[in-house]
Amino acid sequence: MALCAKKRPPEEERRARANDREYNEKFQYASNCIKTSKYNILTFLPVNLFEQFQEVANTYFLFLLILQLIPQISSLSWFTTIVPLVLVLTITAVKDATDDYFRHKSDNQVNN
């Protein structure tokens, strides 16, 4: 299995023999792996939240939540804003995670 994430310096010359995998692997040439997935386990939460708060509606509700934490200017409880916001963020995150999982599976299938 080829390693897609490993970066290698640019090549000037490439030598390869047809049907001789052992000879070709000793040079460790750059691979031609496909990677269409956006996330990995470590980057899912921060990248996904960053992408979701790029949407105006999510940013608006976050701003409302912050304002509702100030009791002098708020007529409603912070709970009325946080529940819908968390619900929308969670549903979108689950959808994005599912899509990315299937992208990883597809990438592995194509690369192997």
N, C-alpha and C. Protein backbone atom coordinates (compact mmCIF):
# COMPACT_ATOMS: atom_id res chain seq x y z
N MET A 1 0.83 -1.18 0.00
CA MET A 1 0.00 0.00 0.00
C MET A 1 0.88 1.25 0.00
N ALA A 2 0.55 2.19 -0.83
CA ALA A 2 1.35 3.41 -0.96
C ALA A 2 0.96 4.41 0.11
N LEU A 3 1.90 5.22 0.55
CA LEU A 3 1.64 6.24 1.54
C LEU A 3 1.37 7.56 0.83
N CYS A 4 0.13 8.04 0.91
CA CYS A 4 -0.25 9.26 0.20
C CYS A 4 0.20 10.51 0.93
N ALA A 5 0.25 10.45 2.24
CA ALA A 5 0.52 11.66 3.02
C ALA A 5 1.99 12.06 3.03
N LYS A 6 2.87 11.15 2.68
CA LYS A 6 4.30 11.43 2.77
C LYS A 6 4.74 12.32 1.60
N LYS A 7 5.35 13.43 1.93
CA LYS A 7 5.84 14.36 0.91
C LYS A 7 7.28 14.02 0.57
N ARG A 8 7.59 14.07 -0.70
CA ARG A 8 8.95 13.76 -1.16
C ARG A 8 9.46 14.90 -2.02
N PRO A 9 10.77 15.06 -2.12
CA PRO A 9 11.31 16.15 -2.95
C PRO A 9 11.04 15.89 -4.43
N PRO A 10 11.05 16.95 -5.23
CA PRO A 10 10.82 16.76 -6.66
C PRO A 10 11.91 15.90 -7.30
N GLU A 11 11.50 15.15 -8.31
CA GLU A 11 12.43 14.23 -8.96
C GLU A 11 12.95 14.84 -10.26
N GLU A 12 14.18 14.51 -10.60
CA GLU A 12 14.74 14.95 -11.87
C GLU A 12 14.72 13.82 -12.89
N GLU A 13 14.94 12.60 -12.43
CA GLU A 13 14.98 11.46 -13.33
C GLU A 13 14.33 10.28 -12.64
N ARG A 14 13.61 9.49 -13.40
CA ARG A 14 12.95 8.33 -12.84
C ARG A 14 13.30 7.10 -13.66
N ARG A 15 13.72 6.07 -12.94
CA ARG A 15 14.02 4.80 -13.60
C ARG A 15 13.03 3.76 -13.10
N ALA A 16 12.43 3.05 -14.02
CA ALA A 16 11.45 2.04 -13.64
C ALA A 16 11.55 0.86 -14.59
N ARG A 17 11.28 -0.32 -14.07
CA ARG A 17 11.21 -1.53 -14.86
C ARG A 17 9.79 -2.05 -14.83
N ALA A 18 9.29 -2.42 -15.97
CA ALA A 18 7.94 -2.97 -16.05
C ALA A 18 7.89 -4.31 -15.33
N ASN A 19 6.83 -4.50 -14.54
CA ASN A 19 6.57 -5.75 -13.81
C ASN A 19 7.70 -6.15 -12.87
N ASP A 20 8.44 -5.18 -12.33
CA ASP A 20 9.49 -5.47 -11.35
C ASP A 20 9.29 -4.55 -10.14
N ARG A 21 8.34 -4.94 -9.28
CA ARG A 21 7.95 -4.12 -8.14
C ARG A 21 9.11 -3.90 -7.17
N GLU A 22 9.88 -4.93 -6.89
CA GLU A 22 10.99 -4.81 -5.94
C GLU A 22 12.01 -3.77 -6.40
N TYR A 23 12.35 -3.79 -7.67
CA TYR A 23 13.31 -2.82 -8.22
C TYR A 23 12.73 -1.40 -8.12
N ASN A 24 11.48 -1.24 -8.46
CA ASN A 24 10.86 0.09 -8.48
C ASN A 24 10.66 0.66 -7.08
N GLU A 25 10.39 -0.19 -6.10
CA GLU A 25 10.14 0.29 -4.74
C GLU A 25 11.40 0.75 -4.02
N LYS A 26 12.56 0.30 -4.46
CA LYS A 26 13.78 0.71 -3.75
C LYS A 26 14.13 2.18 -3.98
N PHE A 27 13.56 2.81 -5.00
CA PHE A 27 13.81 4.23 -5.28
C PHE A 27 12.89 5.15 -4.50
N GLN A 28 11.81 4.65 -3.99
CA GLN A 28 10.81 5.42 -3.23
C GLN A 28 10.37 6.68 -3.97
N TYR A 29 9.87 6.47 -5.16
CA TYR A 29 9.35 7.58 -5.95
C TYR A 29 8.06 8.12 -5.34
N ALA A 30 7.70 9.31 -5.73
CA ALA A 30 6.43 9.89 -5.28
C ALA A 30 5.29 9.02 -5.79
N SER A 31 4.27 8.92 -4.96
CA SER A 31 3.14 8.07 -5.34
C SER A 31 2.11 8.89 -6.12
N ASN A 32 1.17 8.19 -6.68
CA ASN A 32 0.09 8.85 -7.39
C ASN A 32 -1.23 8.57 -6.68
N CYS A 33 -1.19 8.60 -5.36
CA CYS A 33 -2.38 8.32 -4.54
C CYS A 33 -3.40 9.44 -4.68
N ILE A 34 -4.65 9.05 -4.59
CA ILE A 34 -5.77 9.97 -4.64
C ILE A 34 -6.21 10.26 -3.21
N LYS A 35 -6.42 11.54 -2.89
CA LYS A 35 -6.94 11.90 -1.57
C LYS A 35 -8.01 12.97 -1.74
N THR A 36 -9.27 12.57 -1.59
CA THR A 36 -10.38 13.51 -1.74
C THR A 36 -11.02 13.86 -0.40
N SER A 37 -10.61 13.19 0.67
CA SER A 37 -11.21 13.46 1.97
C SER A 37 -10.68 14.78 2.55
N LYS A 38 -11.51 15.41 3.37
CA LYS A 38 -11.14 16.71 3.94
C LYS A 38 -10.51 16.59 5.32
N TYR A 39 -10.94 15.59 6.08
CA TYR A 39 -10.59 15.52 7.49
C TYR A 39 -9.82 14.25 7.82
N ASN A 40 -9.17 14.28 8.99
CA ASN A 40 -8.72 13.05 9.63
C ASN A 40 -9.23 13.13 11.07
N ILE A 41 -8.89 12.15 11.88
CA ILE A 41 -9.45 12.08 13.24
C ILE A 41 -9.07 13.32 14.06
N LEU A 42 -7.85 13.80 13.92
CA LEU A 42 -7.40 14.93 14.73
C LEU A 42 -7.94 16.28 14.25
N THR A 43 -8.16 16.41 12.96
CA THR A 43 -8.57 17.72 12.43
C THR A 43 -10.06 17.86 12.23
N PHE A 44 -10.83 16.80 12.48
CA PHE A 44 -12.26 16.88 12.16
C PHE A 44 -12.97 18.00 12.91
N LEU A 45 -12.87 17.99 14.24
CA LEU A 45 -13.64 18.95 15.03
C LEU A 45 -13.24 20.40 14.75
N PRO A 46 -11.95 20.77 14.81
CA PRO A 46 -11.64 22.19 14.56
C PRO A 46 -11.94 22.64 13.12
N VAL A 47 -11.62 21.81 12.15
CA VAL A 47 -11.85 22.22 10.76
C VAL A 47 -13.35 22.28 10.46
N ASN A 48 -14.09 21.30 10.97
CA ASN A 48 -15.53 21.29 10.73
C ASN A 48 -16.21 22.48 11.38
N LEU A 49 -15.85 22.79 12.62
CA LEU A 49 -16.45 23.97 13.26
C LEU A 49 -16.07 25.26 12.55
N PHE A 50 -14.82 25.35 12.10
CA PHE A 50 -14.40 26.54 11.35
C PHE A 50 -15.24 26.69 10.08
N GLU A 51 -15.44 25.58 9.36
CA GLU A 51 -16.23 25.65 8.13
C GLU A 51 -17.69 25.98 8.42
N GLN A 52 -18.23 25.43 9.51
CA GLN A 52 -19.63 25.71 9.82
C GLN A 52 -19.86 27.16 10.24
N PHE A 53 -18.89 27.75 10.94
CA PHE A 53 -19.06 29.14 11.35
C PHE A 53 -18.69 30.12 10.24
N GLN A 54 -18.31 29.63 9.08
CA GLN A 54 -18.18 30.49 7.91
C GLN A 54 -19.56 30.86 7.36
N GLU A 55 -20.56 30.06 7.70
CA GLU A 55 -21.93 30.36 7.27
C GLU A 55 -22.49 31.47 8.14
N VAL A 56 -23.18 32.40 7.51
CA VAL A 56 -23.68 33.59 8.20
C VAL A 56 -24.70 33.21 9.28
N ALA A 57 -25.57 32.25 9.00
CA ALA A 57 -26.60 31.89 9.97
C ALA A 57 -26.00 31.34 11.26
N ASN A 58 -25.00 30.48 11.15
CA ASN A 58 -24.37 29.93 12.36
C ASN A 58 -23.64 31.02 13.15
N THR A 59 -22.98 31.91 12.46
CA THR A 59 -22.29 33.01 13.13
C THR A 59 -23.29 33.94 13.81
N TYR A 60 -24.41 34.17 13.15
CA TYR A 60 -25.47 35.02 13.73
C TYR A 60 -25.98 34.41 15.04
N PHE A 61 -26.28 33.11 15.03
CA PHE A 61 -26.78 32.48 16.25
C PHE A 61 -25.73 32.43 17.35
N LEU A 62 -24.47 32.30 16.99
CA LEU A 62 -23.41 32.37 18.00
C LEU A 62 -23.34 33.76 18.61
N PHE A 63 -23.47 34.78 17.79
CA PHE A 63 -23.48 36.16 18.27
C PHE A 63 -24.68 36.41 19.19
N LEU A 64 -25.85 35.89 18.81
CA LEU A 64 -27.03 36.01 19.66
C LEU A 64 -26.83 35.31 21.00
N LEU A 65 -26.21 34.14 20.97
CA LEU A 65 -25.93 33.41 22.20
C LEU A 65 -25.04 34.22 23.13
N ILE A 66 -24.01 34.83 22.57
CA ILE A 66 -23.11 35.65 23.39
C ILE A 66 -23.86 36.84 23.99
N LEU A 67 -24.74 37.46 23.21
CA LEU A 67 -25.53 38.57 23.74
C LEU A 67 -26.51 38.11 24.81
N GLN A 68 -27.06 36.93 24.66
CA GLN A 68 -28.03 36.44 25.64
C GLN A 68 -27.37 36.01 26.95
N LEU A 69 -26.06 35.90 26.96
CA LEU A 69 -25.36 35.61 28.21
C LEU A 69 -25.27 36.84 29.12
N ILE A 70 -25.59 38.00 28.55
CA ILE A 70 -25.59 39.25 29.32
C ILE A 70 -27.03 39.49 29.81
N PRO A 71 -27.28 39.33 31.10
CA PRO A 71 -28.67 39.39 31.59
C PRO A 71 -29.33 40.78 31.45
N GLN A 72 -28.54 41.85 31.45
CA GLN A 72 -29.12 43.19 31.37
C GLN A 72 -29.76 43.48 30.01
N ILE A 73 -29.30 42.85 28.95
CA ILE A 73 -29.85 43.15 27.62
C ILE A 73 -30.67 42.01 27.03
N SER A 74 -30.78 40.90 27.73
CA SER A 74 -31.46 39.74 27.18
C SER A 74 -32.83 39.56 27.80
N SER A 75 -33.81 39.31 26.97
CA SER A 75 -35.16 39.03 27.47
C SER A 75 -35.43 37.52 27.51
N LEU A 76 -34.58 36.75 26.82
CA LEU A 76 -34.73 35.30 26.78
C LEU A 76 -33.54 34.63 27.45
N SER A 77 -33.73 33.38 27.75
CA SER A 77 -32.64 32.60 28.33
C SER A 77 -31.67 32.19 27.23
N TRP A 78 -30.39 31.98 27.60
CA TRP A 78 -29.38 31.52 26.65
C TRP A 78 -29.72 30.13 26.13
N PHE A 79 -30.53 29.40 26.89
CA PHE A 79 -30.91 28.04 26.51
C PHE A 79 -31.71 28.01 25.21
N THR A 80 -32.50 29.06 24.96
CA THR A 80 -33.33 29.08 23.76
C THR A 80 -32.51 29.25 22.48
N THR A 81 -31.29 29.71 22.60
CA THR A 81 -30.43 29.86 21.43
C THR A 81 -29.43 28.72 21.31
N ILE A 82 -28.93 28.23 22.42
CA ILE A 82 -27.88 27.21 22.35
C ILE A 82 -28.42 25.86 21.84
N VAL A 83 -29.65 25.52 22.20
CA VAL A 83 -30.20 24.23 21.78
C VAL A 83 -30.31 24.14 20.25
N PRO A 84 -30.94 25.11 19.58
CA PRO A 84 -31.00 25.00 18.12
C PRO A 84 -29.62 25.06 17.46
N LEU A 85 -28.73 25.91 18.00
CA LEU A 85 -27.39 26.03 17.42
C LEU A 85 -26.63 24.72 17.53
N VAL A 86 -26.63 24.13 18.72
CA VAL A 86 -25.92 22.86 18.91
C VAL A 86 -26.56 21.76 18.06
N LEU A 87 -27.87 21.75 17.97
CA LEU A 87 -28.56 20.75 17.15
C LEU A 87 -28.16 20.85 15.68
N VAL A 88 -28.15 22.06 15.15
CA VAL A 88 -27.76 22.26 13.75
C VAL A 88 -26.30 21.90 13.53
N LEU A 89 -25.42 22.33 14.44
CA LEU A 89 -24.00 22.02 14.30
C LEU A 89 -23.76 20.51 14.38
N THR A 90 -24.46 19.83 15.28
CA THR A 90 -24.28 18.38 15.44
C THR A 90 -24.77 17.62 14.21
N ILE A 91 -25.94 17.96 13.71
CA ILE A 91 -26.47 17.27 12.53
C ILE A 91 -25.55 17.49 11.33
N THR A 92 -25.09 18.70 11.14
CA THR A 92 -24.18 18.98 10.03
C THR A 92 -22.85 18.25 10.19
N ALA A 93 -22.34 18.19 11.43
CA ALA A 93 -21.08 17.49 11.68
C ALA A 93 -21.22 16.00 11.41
N VAL A 94 -22.33 15.41 11.80
CA VAL A 94 -22.56 13.98 11.54
C VAL A 94 -22.64 13.72 10.04
N LYS A 95 -23.32 14.60 9.32
CA LYS A 95 -23.42 14.45 7.86
C LYS A 95 -22.03 14.58 7.22
N ASP A 96 -21.26 15.57 7.65
CA ASP A 96 -19.90 15.75 7.11
C ASP A 96 -19.00 14.58 7.45
N ALA A 97 -19.12 14.06 8.66
CA ALA A 97 -18.30 12.91 9.06
C ALA A 97 -18.65 11.68 8.23
N THR A 98 -19.92 11.46 7.99
CA THR A 98 -20.36 10.33 7.18
C THR A 98 -19.85 10.46 5.75
N ASP A 99 -20.00 11.66 5.17
CA ASP A 99 -19.51 11.89 3.81
C ASP A 99 -18.00 11.66 3.73
N ASP A 100 -17.26 12.15 4.72
CA ASP A 100 -15.81 12.01 4.69
C ASP A 100 -15.38 10.56 4.91
N TYR A 101 -16.12 9.82 5.72
CA TYR A 101 -15.83 8.40 5.92
C TYR A 101 -15.94 7.65 4.59
N PHE A 102 -17.00 7.95 3.83
CA PHE A 102 -17.16 7.29 2.54
C PHE A 102 -16.11 7.76 1.53
N ARG A 103 -15.65 9.02 1.65
CA ARG A 103 -14.55 9.47 0.80
C ARG A 103 -13.27 8.70 1.12
N HIS A 104 -13.00 8.48 2.41
CA HIS A 104 -11.82 7.69 2.80
C HIS A 104 -11.90 6.27 2.24
N LYS A 105 -13.09 5.67 2.33
CA LYS A 105 -13.26 4.31 1.80
C LYS A 105 -13.05 4.28 0.29
N SER A 106 -13.60 5.28 -0.38
CA SER A 106 -13.44 5.36 -1.84
C SER A 106 -11.98 5.59 -2.22
N ASP A 107 -11.28 6.47 -1.48
CA ASP A 107 -9.86 6.72 -1.74
C ASP A 107 -9.05 5.44 -1.57
N ASN A 108 -9.31 4.70 -0.50
CA ASN A 108 -8.58 3.45 -0.27
C ASN A 108 -8.85 2.44 -1.38
N GLN A 109 -10.08 2.39 -1.84
CA GLN A 109 -10.42 1.45 -2.92
C GLN A 109 -9.70 1.83 -4.21
N VAL A 110 -9.69 3.11 -4.53
CA VAL A 110 -9.03 3.56 -5.77
C VAL A 110 -7.52 3.37 -5.67
N ASN A 111 -6.94 3.68 -4.50
CA ASN A 111 -5.49 3.60 -4.34
C ASN A 111 -4.98 2.16 -4.27
N ASN A 112 -5.82 1.22 -3.91
CA ASN A 112 -5.37 -0.16 -3.85
C ASN A 112 -5.75 -0.91 -5.10
